[in-house]
Every structure is written in structure tokens, then in C-alpha cells.
Amino acid sequence: MKIALQYVNDINGNTQAVQLVLTEWEKVLNKLKKYEQALKLRSDLSEAFDQVALLKKQKGRKQTLTHFINGL
């Protein structure tokens, strides 16, 4: 994604801000939202796999999915 940026500098030439066209900003926000959703999904899947691994290590009788759902 190519974005046309404008830099705002102070009297000493130090960059103080960046400006971009509003439509470009909205594209950036949409892309960020998708990345956040993907990261959340990845985190949730990782946690689920960790829980499955833990359940596999446990000894004893395991609860079935049907039994679990019926208990809700």
C-alpha cells in the first residue's frame, strides 16, 4: 500500500507530525482492524491447542462434548 505522506516540521526541522489524506487514513484503520482480528484469532487458537494438550496429559475420565454442552 503506497501512501502519500506530508511531514510537519518545527522551526528546527524536527518532524512533529505526519499528515495523510482522510481516505488513506481510513484504509490504514481498516487494515489495522483486520490485523487485530487475525492476531486475536491466532491467540485464541494457540490457547485452545494448549488446553487440548493439557487435557490429553490428564489421567482419568474425560468429559464428552455432548455432556459438556448439555451441562450448559
Protein backbone atom coordinates (compact mmCIF):
# COMPACT_ATOMS: atom_id res chain seq x y z
CA MET A 1 0.00 0.00 0.00
CA LYS A 2 1.56 3.27 -1.13
CA ILE A 3 0.52 6.28 0.94
CA ALA A 4 1.35 9.89 0.18
CA LEU A 5 2.54 11.43 3.46
CA GLN A 6 3.27 15.01 4.38
CA TYR A 7 5.60 15.74 7.27
CA VAL A 8 5.14 18.72 9.57
CA ASN A 9 8.41 20.06 10.97
CA ASP A 10 9.12 22.56 13.70
CA ILE A 11 11.31 25.62 13.29
CA ASN A 12 14.42 23.45 13.86
CA GLY A 13 13.45 20.95 11.16
CA ASN A 14 12.41 18.20 13.58
CA THR A 15 9.43 16.19 12.41
CA GLN A 16 6.45 16.86 14.67
CA ALA A 17 3.57 15.23 12.80
CA VAL A 18 2.56 13.30 9.72
CA GLN A 19 -0.44 14.12 7.57
CA LEU A 20 -2.23 11.90 5.10
CA VAL A 21 -5.42 12.07 3.07
CA LEU A 22 -8.50 11.01 5.05
CA THR A 23 -9.37 8.19 2.63
CA GLU A 24 -5.86 6.80 3.07
CA TRP A 25 -6.22 7.03 6.86
CA GLU A 26 -9.45 5.04 6.66
CA LYS A 27 -7.65 2.36 4.62
CA VAL A 28 -4.93 2.20 7.27
CA LEU A 29 -7.53 1.81 10.02
CA ASN A 30 -9.33 -0.95 8.12
CA LYS A 31 -6.08 -2.84 7.56
CA LEU A 32 -5.16 -2.43 11.23
CA LYS A 33 -8.56 -3.78 12.24
CA LYS A 34 -8.01 -6.89 10.08
CA TYR A 35 -4.56 -7.44 11.59
CA GLU A 36 -6.01 -7.13 15.09
CA GLN A 37 -8.72 -9.68 14.26
CA ALA A 38 -6.14 -12.08 12.82
CA LEU A 39 -3.93 -11.67 15.90
CA LYS A 40 -6.90 -12.33 18.21
CA LEU A 41 -7.82 -15.45 16.25
CA ARG A 42 -4.24 -16.70 16.37
CA SER A 43 -4.10 -16.09 20.12
CA ASP A 44 -7.41 -17.88 20.68
CA LEU A 45 -6.31 -20.87 18.59
CA SER A 46 -3.00 -21.07 20.42
CA GLU A 47 -4.81 -21.06 23.76
CA ALA A 48 -7.20 -23.76 22.53
CA PHE A 49 -4.34 -26.01 21.40
CA ASP A 50 -2.62 -25.51 24.76
CA GLN A 51 -5.81 -26.55 26.55
CA VAL A 52 -6.17 -29.64 24.35
CA ALA A 53 -2.57 -30.62 25.09
CA LEU A 54 -3.23 -30.20 28.81
CA LEU A 55 -6.38 -32.33 28.61
CA LYS A 56 -4.50 -35.07 26.78
CA LYS A 57 -1.95 -35.22 29.61
CA GLN A 58 -4.59 -35.56 32.32
CA LYS A 59 -5.41 -39.01 33.62
CA GLY A 60 -8.87 -40.25 34.36
CA ARG A 61 -12.27 -39.97 32.75
CA LYS A 62 -12.70 -37.17 30.26
CA GLN A 63 -15.93 -35.30 29.63
CA THR A 64 -17.51 -35.65 26.19
CA LEU A 65 -18.52 -32.63 24.15
CA THR A 66 -22.16 -33.70 24.28
CA HIS A 67 -22.05 -33.95 28.07
CA PHE A 68 -20.38 -30.55 28.28
CA ILE A 69 -22.97 -28.88 26.01
CA ASN A 70 -25.87 -30.49 27.87
CA GLY A 71 -24.47 -29.07 31.12
CA LEU A 72 -24.68 -25.50 29.80
